[in-house]
Amino acid sequence: MDISSLKAWEMREKLLKKEISAVEILESHLNRIDSVEKDINAFITIDRDNALKASKGVDEKLARGESLGVLAGLPIGLKDNIMTKDLRTTCASKMLENFIPPFDATVVRNIRREDGIILGKTNLDEFAMGGSTETSYFGNTRNPRNLDVVPGGSSGGSAAGVAANELAISLGSDTGGSVRQPASYCGIVGIKPTYGMVSRYGVMPMSNSLDQVGQFGRDVKDAFLMLKGVSGFDPLDGTSSKKSGINFDLEGGSLKGLRIALPVEYRDLKVTGDEKIREMFDNTLKVFEREGAIIDYVSLPHLKYALETYYIISTAEVSTNLSRLDGIRYGYRTENYETLDDLYTMSRTEAFGEEAKRRIMMGTYALSAGYQDEHYKKALKVRTLIKNDYDKTFKDYDVILSLTSPILPFPFDSIINSPVDMYKADLYTVPVNLAGLCAMSMPMGEIDGLPVGMQLTGNRFQESKIIRAGYAFEKVVK
């Protein structure tokens, strides 16, 4: 039996029945890594010794008859912008290439509390800026489904690691779709929880008002397990909500009577040159209808401004957040300077990649004197209008259904030099972050061997509706 090919929940069940051990689960994944990692490049750092030690600890608890956590024995990958004490956290940047955090993020402590095994730190776009994992200082991550196309981003390493069976489950961060889009491209499930559901303490911020820690799994039950293990209120995170935490199970959900909204704005947008994607989505709608779901078109009139609003707000917050990396306190420091200004300028020039510099400049411009009211403050007002549109829709509907991405996974070096085209790939995902909603991407099918994902969006702290609906859909189409 190839343990690494099992679903995470199947591994856990077999572990609890003592059919397999935690050490055997880990060794199966390490063997898989040795076999495929040279082609995938999902990891930046692999923590073999500590993972083995933790696995032995789980087996010892089981032998003593102690109860085990929901993540017991599962090898888990962490996006490398999540702080891990005494294990380097690079954010895939030269700037933090050798940075060793002095503390653990809350999600790391939660994983260990639930007996999960942290196997390593996964690759990402530099400082989570990108949609293809092509901007990493540590090289591209490749899509396990087709090595010639991108795995999506920015959490491409976490998604690829799960899709390639190198990891059972994993964590990423989602600012505008950085969990859901790579989940779609790699043919797995990705959850972006409600803002405040999962602690962000110890996660390197890209955009504080948009970021949320997301979960990857090979199916809905896997991703649900990962969410259950890390969610909950955290007093160390000022944005953590006391409403957070999972108090529902997967069973009991049904597509019959499910009220589904389809934004007419998405229907009218001509954003994909591949009509096969639209045809697949239409066929998926027929599955929901056949199972008794009620589907209506609705209008979210301000949705058409979401992409521009998102990039103004997110880059403004990027500019502020990355100002802390100045070559003084920690991170890369240039050797080529004479004055303090030289030290700042050359350290940042030499250590940041092109996309990071682009977004810093965009955000600095949006916040600059004379332009702040015109751009940044106006974007905040539009953000409120978008949120209000969603609030109105969720008064009458359970979920909003859409594509996850308007395009298929694309070849390397194809649109990386066309930033606007890259940003447009986030069309369906960024509004969710602007409104602080929950959403899940799950496989819908394949086109020419490449996965296509659909997105279920729910109201704030209504994860039960999207996850149960996705689980019910999964059972219907299997």
Protein backbone atom coordinates (compact mmCIF):
# COMPACT_ATOMS: atom_id res chain seq x y z
CA MET A 1 0.00 0.00 0.00
CA ASP A 2 1.31 3.43 -0.98
CA ILE A 3 0.37 5.41 2.11
CA SER A 4 1.18 8.79 0.54
CA SER A 5 -1.54 8.29 -2.08
CA LEU A 6 -4.26 8.01 0.56
CA LYS A 7 -6.44 10.94 1.52
CA ALA A 8 -5.41 12.63 4.77
CA TRP A 9 -8.56 11.51 6.57
CA GLU A 10 -7.92 7.93 5.42
CA MET A 11 -4.40 8.06 6.85
CA ARG A 12 -5.74 9.31 10.16
CA GLU A 13 -8.40 6.59 10.34
CA LYS A 14 -5.85 3.87 9.64
CA LEU A 15 -3.52 5.37 12.24
CA LEU A 16 -6.22 5.34 14.92
CA LYS A 17 -7.02 1.71 14.05
CA LYS A 18 -3.27 0.96 14.34
CA GLU A 19 -3.19 -0.35 10.79
CA ILE A 20 -0.29 2.02 10.07
CA SER A 21 2.00 4.11 12.26
CA ALA A 22 2.78 7.82 12.16
CA VAL A 23 6.39 6.99 11.33
CA GLU A 24 5.25 4.88 8.37
CA ILE A 25 3.07 7.76 7.16
CA LEU A 26 6.01 10.15 7.35
CA GLU A 27 8.47 7.79 5.71
CA SER A 28 6.05 7.21 2.83
CA HIS A 29 5.91 10.96 2.20
CA LEU A 30 9.67 11.37 2.53
CA ASN A 31 10.15 8.62 -0.06
CA ARG A 32 7.69 10.40 -2.32
CA ILE A 33 9.61 13.65 -1.87
CA ASP A 34 12.86 11.93 -2.76
CA SER A 35 11.22 10.63 -5.91
CA VAL A 36 9.48 13.72 -7.31
CA GLU A 37 10.72 16.86 -5.56
CA LYS A 38 13.54 17.43 -8.06
CA ASP A 39 10.84 17.97 -10.71
CA ILE A 40 8.24 19.80 -8.61
CA ASN A 41 10.30 22.11 -6.32
CA ALA A 42 7.42 22.43 -3.86
CA PHE A 43 9.69 22.95 -0.85
CA ILE A 44 12.16 25.59 0.25
CA THR A 45 13.09 23.79 3.49
CA ILE A 46 12.40 20.18 4.57
CA ASP A 47 12.61 19.49 8.31
CA ARG A 48 13.18 15.71 8.26
CA ASP A 49 14.69 15.21 11.72
CA ASN A 50 12.07 17.15 13.67
CA ALA A 51 9.27 15.60 11.61
CA LEU A 52 10.55 12.12 12.46
CA LYS A 53 10.81 13.03 16.13
CA ALA A 54 7.23 14.34 16.14
CA SER A 55 5.96 11.21 14.35
CA LYS A 56 7.57 8.96 16.96
CA GLY A 57 5.89 11.06 19.63
CA VAL A 58 2.47 10.46 18.05
CA ASP A 59 3.07 6.71 17.94
CA GLU A 60 4.08 6.76 21.61
CA LYS A 61 0.87 8.61 22.56
CA LEU A 62 -1.18 6.08 20.64
CA ALA A 63 0.62 3.19 22.33
CA ARG A 64 -0.15 4.70 25.75
CA GLY A 65 -3.83 4.91 24.85
CA GLU A 66 -3.94 8.72 24.89
CA SER A 67 -6.40 10.59 22.68
CA LEU A 68 -4.97 12.12 19.51
CA GLY A 69 -5.74 15.42 17.83
CA VAL A 70 -7.60 15.90 14.56
CA LEU A 71 -4.33 16.21 12.60
CA ALA A 72 -2.64 13.21 14.20
CA GLY A 73 0.25 11.83 12.19
CA LEU A 74 -0.45 13.90 9.08
CA PRO A 75 2.58 15.39 7.26
CA ILE A 76 1.78 19.07 6.76
CA GLY A 77 3.45 21.75 4.67
CA LEU A 78 3.55 25.41 5.66
CA LYS A 79 3.81 28.23 3.18
CA ASP A 80 7.17 29.83 3.87
CA ASN A 81 5.70 33.11 5.09
CA ILE A 82 4.47 31.40 8.29
CA MET A 83 6.90 31.83 11.18
CA THR A 84 8.51 28.69 12.59
CA LYS A 85 10.83 28.94 15.58
CA ASP A 86 14.39 27.83 14.79
CA LEU A 87 13.39 26.90 11.22
CA ARG A 88 14.12 29.47 8.56
CA THR A 89 11.26 31.48 7.09
CA THR A 90 12.28 33.12 3.82
CA CYS A 91 9.08 34.42 2.19
CA ALA A 92 10.84 33.11 -0.98
CA SER A 93 12.98 36.25 -1.02
CA LYS A 94 16.68 37.01 -1.01
CA MET A 95 15.75 39.60 1.61
CA LEU A 96 14.99 36.87 4.19
CA GLU A 97 17.05 34.03 2.75
CA ASN A 98 18.68 33.23 6.11
CA PHE A 99 16.06 34.54 8.55
CA ILE A 100 15.40 32.27 11.57
CA PRO A 101 12.30 33.36 13.53
CA PRO A 102 12.47 33.38 17.33
CA PHE A 103 8.82 32.27 17.71
CA ASP A 104 6.09 30.09 16.20
CA ALA A 105 2.98 31.38 14.46
CA THR A 106 -0.26 30.48 16.23
CA VAL A 107 -1.25 28.09 13.42
CA VAL A 108 2.03 26.24 13.99
CA ARG A 109 1.26 25.83 17.69
CA ASN A 110 -2.27 24.69 16.80
CA ILE A 111 -0.93 22.04 14.42
CA ARG A 112 1.38 20.66 17.09
CA ARG A 113 -1.43 20.74 19.65
CA GLU A 114 -3.50 18.59 17.28
CA ASP A 115 -0.56 16.16 16.75
CA GLY A 116 0.13 17.23 13.17
CA ILE A 117 3.61 16.71 11.71
CA ILE A 118 5.25 19.79 10.21
CA LEU A 119 7.27 18.37 7.34
CA GLY A 120 8.62 21.58 5.82
CA LYS A 121 8.22 25.06 4.39
CA THR A 122 6.80 25.38 0.89
CA ASN A 123 7.64 27.62 -2.03
CA LEU A 124 5.68 30.74 -2.93
CA ASP A 125 5.79 33.89 -4.99
CA GLU A 126 8.12 36.35 -3.26
CA PHE A 127 6.33 37.80 -0.22
CA ALA A 128 3.15 36.19 -1.60
CA MET A 129 3.08 38.58 -4.56
CA GLY A 130 2.17 36.75 -7.73
CA GLY A 131 -0.18 34.24 -9.28
CA SER A 132 2.17 31.59 -10.63
CA THR A 133 5.01 30.93 -8.12
CA GLU A 134 7.41 32.26 -10.76
CA THR A 135 8.69 35.16 -8.65
CA SER A 136 10.33 32.99 -5.97
CA TYR A 137 14.01 33.55 -5.29
CA PHE A 138 14.28 29.75 -4.95
CA GLY A 139 13.04 28.93 -8.44
CA ASN A 140 9.72 27.97 -10.00
CA THR A 141 7.39 25.36 -8.57
CA ARG A 142 5.96 23.11 -11.27
CA ASN A 143 2.42 21.80 -11.55
CA PRO A 144 2.31 18.04 -10.77
CA ARG A 145 -0.52 17.65 -13.26
CA ASN A 146 1.62 19.02 -16.09
CA LEU A 147 5.21 20.08 -15.46
CA ASP A 148 5.10 22.57 -18.32
CA VAL A 149 2.47 24.80 -16.70
CA VAL A 150 2.39 26.86 -13.51
CA PRO A 151 0.80 25.55 -10.30
CA GLY A 152 -0.79 28.92 -9.58
CA GLY A 153 0.19 31.28 -6.82
CA SER A 154 1.15 32.65 -4.58
CA SER A 155 0.73 29.45 -2.51
CA GLY A 156 1.91 27.27 -5.39
CA GLY A 157 4.30 25.16 -3.32
CA SER A 158 1.64 24.22 -0.77
CA ALA A 159 -0.81 23.26 -3.52
CA ALA A 160 1.73 21.34 -5.59
CA GLY A 161 2.99 19.46 -2.55
CA VAL A 162 -0.50 18.14 -1.82
CA ALA A 163 -1.28 17.41 -5.47
CA ALA A 164 2.01 15.49 -5.85
CA ASN A 165 1.38 13.41 -2.67
CA GLU A 166 4.43 14.94 -1.01
CA LEU A 167 2.15 16.29 1.72
CA ALA A 168 -1.11 15.06 3.21
CA ILE A 169 -2.49 18.58 3.70
CA SER A 170 -1.01 22.07 3.84
CA LEU A 171 -1.46 25.73 4.69
CA GLY A 172 -1.16 28.76 2.45
CA SER A 173 -2.12 32.40 2.72
CA ASP A 174 -4.86 34.00 0.65
CA THR A 175 -4.87 37.75 0.02
CA GLY A 176 -6.77 37.81 -3.26
CA GLY A 177 -7.04 34.17 -4.29
CA SER A 178 -3.62 32.77 -3.43
CA VAL A 179 -5.07 29.55 -2.02
CA ARG A 180 -8.08 29.08 -4.28
CA GLN A 181 -6.34 29.74 -7.62
CA PRO A 182 -3.48 27.24 -7.08
CA ALA A 183 -6.03 24.73 -5.75
CA SER A 184 -7.90 25.12 -9.04
CA TYR A 185 -4.75 24.80 -11.16
CA CYS A 186 -3.51 21.71 -9.28
CA GLY A 187 -6.88 19.94 -9.14
CA ILE A 188 -7.32 19.94 -5.35
CA VAL A 189 -9.51 21.70 -2.76
CA GLY A 190 -8.57 25.07 -1.25
CA ILE A 191 -10.44 26.96 1.46
CA LYS A 192 -10.19 30.69 2.13
CA PRO A 193 -11.85 31.11 5.55
CA THR A 194 -13.71 34.16 6.78
CA TYR A 195 -11.42 37.03 7.77
CA GLY A 196 -10.81 36.45 11.48
CA MET A 197 -11.50 32.70 11.46
CA VAL A 198 -7.82 31.65 11.56
CA SER A 199 -5.14 33.54 13.48
CA ARG A 200 -2.70 35.58 11.41
CA TYR A 201 -0.29 35.98 14.32
CA GLY A 202 3.14 35.02 13.06
CA VAL A 203 2.23 35.16 9.38
CA MET A 204 4.33 37.65 7.42
CA PRO A 205 1.73 40.19 6.28
CA MET A 206 1.29 41.18 2.68
CA SER A 207 -1.95 43.11 3.08
CA ASN A 208 -3.28 43.11 6.65
CA SER A 209 -6.90 43.85 5.87
CA LEU A 210 -7.10 41.13 3.21
CA ASP A 211 -4.81 38.27 4.30
CA GLN A 212 -6.17 35.03 5.69
CA VAL A 213 -4.54 31.63 6.26
CA GLY A 214 -6.06 29.05 3.92
CA GLN A 215 -6.13 25.25 3.76
CA PHE A 216 -5.36 22.67 1.05
CA GLY A 217 -6.53 19.06 0.79
CA ARG A 218 -7.03 16.44 -1.88
CA ASP A 219 -10.76 16.48 -1.22
CA VAL A 220 -13.24 18.53 0.81
CA LYS A 221 -12.90 16.34 3.89
CA ASP A 222 -9.11 16.79 3.89
CA ALA A 223 -9.31 20.57 3.63
CA PHE A 224 -12.03 20.64 6.30
CA LEU A 225 -9.76 18.64 8.61
CA MET A 226 -6.95 21.15 8.11
CA LEU A 227 -9.30 24.07 8.82
CA LYS A 228 -10.66 22.39 11.92
CA GLY A 229 -7.15 21.89 13.24
CA VAL A 230 -5.98 25.51 12.97
CA SER A 231 -9.08 27.69 13.43
CA GLY A 232 -10.13 29.35 16.67
CA PHE A 233 -9.92 32.62 18.54
CA ASP A 234 -6.43 33.94 19.28
CA PRO A 235 -5.91 36.86 21.71
CA LEU A 236 -2.52 37.50 20.09
CA ASP A 237 -4.22 38.50 16.83
CA GLY A 238 -6.17 41.74 16.98
CA THR A 239 -8.24 40.69 13.95
CA SER A 240 -9.15 37.25 15.34
CA SER A 241 -12.87 36.81 15.96
CA LYS A 242 -14.57 35.10 18.91
CA LYS A 243 -16.93 33.62 16.32
CA SER A 244 -14.06 31.56 14.92
CA GLY A 245 -13.81 27.81 15.30
CA ILE A 246 -15.55 24.85 13.67
CA ASN A 247 -18.73 23.63 15.38
CA PHE A 248 -20.23 21.57 12.57
CA ASP A 249 -19.52 18.31 10.78
CA LEU A 250 -19.66 17.46 7.09
CA GLU A 251 -22.69 15.22 7.17
CA GLY A 252 -26.13 16.68 6.88
CA GLY A 253 -25.48 18.89 3.91
CA SER A 254 -27.60 18.54 0.79
CA LEU A 255 -27.85 20.21 -2.60
CA LYS A 256 -31.64 19.93 -2.47
CA GLY A 257 -33.08 23.32 -1.67
CA LEU A 258 -29.64 24.98 -1.71
CA ARG A 259 -30.14 28.58 -2.85
CA ILE A 260 -27.38 29.51 -5.30
CA ALA A 261 -26.73 32.99 -6.70
CA LEU A 262 -24.91 33.60 -9.99
CA PRO A 263 -23.62 37.17 -10.41
CA VAL A 264 -24.81 38.49 -13.74
CA GLU A 265 -21.66 40.63 -13.88
CA TYR A 266 -19.55 37.49 -14.24
CA ARG A 267 -21.80 36.11 -16.95
CA ASP A 268 -21.45 39.27 -18.99
CA LEU A 269 -17.68 39.60 -18.65
CA LYS A 270 -15.74 38.24 -21.63
CA VAL A 271 -12.61 37.26 -19.76
CA THR A 272 -11.72 33.86 -21.16
CA GLY A 273 -10.75 32.84 -24.66
CA ASP A 274 -11.53 29.20 -23.87
CA GLU A 275 -15.24 28.52 -24.27
CA LYS A 276 -14.66 25.00 -22.97
CA ILE A 277 -14.39 26.50 -19.47
CA ARG A 278 -17.76 28.18 -19.76
CA GLU A 279 -19.30 25.01 -21.18
CA MET A 280 -17.95 22.99 -18.25
CA PHE A 281 -19.36 25.50 -15.79
CA ASP A 282 -22.78 25.33 -17.45
CA ASN A 283 -22.71 21.53 -17.18
CA THR A 284 -21.84 21.84 -13.49
CA LEU A 285 -24.84 24.09 -12.96
CA LYS A 286 -27.02 21.33 -14.45
CA VAL A 287 -25.69 18.92 -11.81
CA PHE A 288 -26.74 21.30 -9.04
CA GLU A 289 -30.17 21.78 -10.63
CA ARG A 290 -30.64 18.05 -11.08
CA GLU A 291 -29.96 17.54 -7.39
CA GLY A 292 -32.59 20.11 -6.41
CA ALA A 293 -30.62 23.33 -5.97
CA ILE A 294 -32.36 26.63 -6.72
CA ILE A 295 -30.25 28.81 -9.02
CA ASP A 296 -30.89 32.46 -9.86
CA TYR A 297 -28.94 35.24 -11.50
CA VAL A 298 -28.40 38.25 -9.25
CA SER A 299 -26.68 41.59 -9.67
CA LEU A 300 -23.70 42.74 -7.63
CA PRO A 301 -23.36 46.08 -9.43
CA HIS A 302 -20.02 47.13 -7.92
CA LEU A 303 -18.31 43.82 -8.64
CA LYS A 304 -16.88 45.23 -11.86
CA TYR A 305 -14.69 47.59 -9.81
CA ALA A 306 -13.29 44.88 -7.55
CA LEU A 307 -10.02 44.20 -9.35
CA GLU A 308 -8.91 47.84 -9.44
CA THR A 309 -10.06 48.36 -5.84
CA TYR A 310 -8.14 45.32 -4.67
CA TYR A 311 -4.85 46.30 -6.27
CA ILE A 312 -4.97 49.83 -4.91
CA ILE A 313 -5.66 48.68 -1.34
CA SER A 314 -3.35 45.67 -1.38
CA THR A 315 -0.35 47.48 -2.86
CA ALA A 316 -0.80 50.36 -0.43
CA GLU A 317 -0.60 47.89 2.44
CA VAL A 318 2.33 46.09 0.78
CA SER A 319 4.23 49.38 0.64
CA THR A 320 3.65 49.92 4.34
CA ASN A 321 4.41 46.35 5.43
CA LEU A 322 7.64 45.94 3.50
CA SER A 323 9.04 49.23 4.75
CA ARG A 324 10.21 47.27 7.82
CA LEU A 325 12.75 45.46 5.62
CA ASP A 326 15.42 48.13 5.41
CA GLY A 327 18.72 46.30 5.96
CA ILE A 328 18.96 47.52 9.56
CA ARG A 329 17.20 45.19 11.98
CA TYR A 330 17.05 41.87 10.15
CA GLY A 331 17.21 40.46 6.66
CA TYR A 332 19.62 41.19 3.83
CA ARG A 333 22.11 44.03 4.19
CA THR A 334 24.14 45.32 1.27
CA GLU A 335 27.90 45.68 1.51
CA ASN A 336 27.85 48.47 -1.07
CA TYR A 337 27.02 51.65 0.86
CA GLU A 338 28.57 54.79 2.31
CA THR A 339 25.62 56.65 3.79
CA LEU A 340 22.50 55.54 5.63
CA ASP A 341 20.40 56.35 2.57
CA ASP A 342 22.70 54.18 0.48
CA LEU A 343 22.20 51.33 2.95
CA TYR A 344 18.40 51.54 2.68
CA THR A 345 18.36 51.93 -1.09
CA MET A 346 20.93 49.30 -2.03
CA SER A 347 19.70 46.68 0.45
CA ARG A 348 16.18 46.87 -0.94
CA THR A 349 17.33 47.18 -4.56
CA GLU A 350 19.52 44.10 -4.32
CA ALA A 351 17.19 41.92 -2.23
CA PHE A 352 13.68 42.53 -3.61
CA GLY A 353 12.54 40.95 -6.87
CA GLU A 354 10.84 42.74 -9.73
CA GLU A 355 7.23 42.02 -8.72
CA ALA A 356 7.84 43.08 -5.11
CA LYS A 357 9.38 46.34 -6.31
CA ARG A 358 6.49 46.92 -8.70
CA ARG A 359 3.88 46.56 -5.98
CA ILE A 360 5.84 48.64 -3.48
CA MET A 361 6.01 51.45 -6.03
CA MET A 362 2.32 51.16 -6.90
CA GLY A 363 1.34 51.29 -3.24
CA THR A 364 3.66 54.16 -2.42
CA TYR A 365 2.16 56.14 -5.28
CA ALA A 366 -1.40 55.42 -4.08
CA LEU A 367 -0.52 56.69 -0.60
CA SER A 368 1.50 59.70 -1.68
CA ALA A 369 0.45 63.27 -0.96
CA GLY A 370 -1.97 64.54 -3.55
CA TYR A 371 -3.06 61.04 -4.65
CA GLN A 372 -4.22 59.40 -1.42
CA ASP A 373 -7.74 60.85 -1.61
CA GLU A 374 -8.01 60.19 -5.35
CA HIS A 375 -6.93 56.56 -5.17
CA TYR A 376 -6.63 54.92 -1.76
CA LYS A 377 -9.54 56.55 0.08
CA LYS A 378 -11.80 56.16 -2.93
CA ALA A 379 -10.90 52.46 -3.12
CA LEU A 380 -11.88 52.04 0.54
CA LYS A 381 -15.30 53.53 -0.22
CA VAL A 382 -15.81 51.20 -3.19
CA ARG A 383 -14.77 48.29 -1.00
CA THR A 384 -17.68 49.12 1.31
CA LEU A 385 -20.07 49.19 -1.63
CA ILE A 386 -18.87 45.75 -2.74
CA LYS A 387 -19.37 44.42 0.78
CA ASN A 388 -22.88 45.86 0.85
CA ASP A 389 -23.70 44.12 -2.46
CA TYR A 390 -22.70 40.78 -0.95
CA ASP A 391 -24.63 41.43 2.26
CA LYS A 392 -27.76 42.08 0.24
CA THR A 393 -27.31 38.90 -1.80
CA PHE A 394 -26.76 36.67 1.22
CA LYS A 395 -30.09 37.73 2.70
CA ASP A 396 -31.75 35.51 0.08
CA TYR A 397 -29.10 32.98 -0.96
CA ASP A 398 -26.87 30.41 0.74
CA VAL A 399 -23.89 30.48 -1.60
CA ILE A 400 -22.58 32.30 -4.65
CA LEU A 401 -21.19 30.09 -7.39
CA SER A 402 -18.54 31.04 -9.95
CA LEU A 403 -15.40 29.86 -11.64
CA THR A 404 -12.25 30.06 -9.57
CA SER A 405 -10.10 31.29 -12.46
CA PRO A 406 -11.14 32.49 -15.91
CA ILE A 407 -8.12 30.82 -17.53
CA LEU A 408 -6.45 27.42 -17.53
CA PRO A 409 -3.03 26.86 -15.95
CA PHE A 410 -0.64 28.63 -18.30
CA PRO A 411 2.90 27.84 -19.48
CA PHE A 412 5.91 29.29 -17.68
CA ASP A 413 7.14 32.69 -18.90
CA SER A 414 3.92 33.23 -20.86
CA ILE A 415 2.29 36.11 -18.93
CA ILE A 416 4.78 36.80 -16.14
CA ASN A 417 5.97 39.84 -18.07
CA SER A 418 2.42 41.08 -18.60
CA PRO A 419 1.34 42.09 -15.09
CA VAL A 420 -2.14 43.27 -16.08
CA ASP A 421 -2.97 39.91 -17.68
CA MET A 422 -1.65 38.16 -14.57
CA TYR A 423 -3.80 40.34 -12.31
CA LYS A 424 -6.92 39.62 -14.38
CA ALA A 425 -6.64 35.95 -13.44
CA ASP A 426 -7.78 37.02 -9.94
CA LEU A 427 -11.07 38.38 -11.23
CA TYR A 428 -13.29 35.85 -9.42
CA THR A 429 -11.31 35.61 -6.20
CA VAL A 430 -10.38 39.13 -5.06
CA PRO A 431 -13.94 40.31 -4.23
CA VAL A 432 -14.16 37.62 -1.53
CA ASN A 433 -11.17 39.10 0.31
CA LEU A 434 -12.43 42.65 -0.06
CA ALA A 435 -15.66 41.66 1.70
CA GLY A 436 -14.02 39.33 4.26
CA LEU A 437 -16.11 36.36 3.13
CA CYS A 438 -15.36 32.63 3.09
CA ALA A 439 -14.88 30.70 -0.15
CA MET A 440 -13.74 27.31 -1.38
CA SER A 441 -12.33 26.15 -4.70
CA MET A 442 -12.87 22.54 -5.69
CA PRO A 443 -12.31 20.54 -8.87
CA MET A 444 -14.98 20.72 -11.53
CA GLY A 445 -13.29 18.69 -14.26
CA GLU A 446 -10.46 18.82 -16.75
CA ILE A 447 -9.85 20.39 -20.14
CA ASP A 448 -7.05 18.89 -22.20
CA GLY A 449 -5.70 17.27 -19.06
CA LEU A 450 -5.62 20.53 -17.08
CA PRO A 451 -7.81 20.97 -13.96
CA VAL A 452 -10.62 23.51 -13.77
CA GLY A 453 -12.02 24.69 -10.44
CA MET A 454 -15.29 26.20 -9.29
CA GLN A 455 -15.66 28.57 -6.37
CA LEU A 456 -18.34 28.39 -3.68
CA THR A 457 -18.60 31.67 -1.73
CA GLY A 458 -20.41 32.05 1.56
CA ASN A 459 -21.25 34.83 3.99
CA ARG A 460 -18.95 35.64 6.90
CA PHE A 461 -18.61 32.72 9.34
CA GLN A 462 -20.87 30.57 7.17
CA GLU A 463 -18.16 28.03 6.31
CA SER A 464 -20.64 25.27 7.07
CA LYS A 465 -22.73 26.16 4.01
CA ILE A 466 -19.94 26.16 1.43
CA ILE A 467 -18.11 23.14 2.86
CA ARG A 468 -21.23 21.02 3.24
CA ALA A 469 -22.41 22.00 -0.24
CA GLY A 470 -19.02 21.15 -1.70
CA TYR A 471 -18.97 17.83 0.15
CA ALA A 472 -22.46 16.97 -1.15
CA PHE A 473 -21.45 17.90 -4.71
CA GLU A 474 -18.30 15.78 -4.39
CA LYS A 475 -20.34 12.72 -3.44
CA VAL A 476 -22.71 13.24 -6.36
CA VAL A 477 -20.04 13.45 -9.06
CA LYS A 478 -17.69 10.72 -7.76
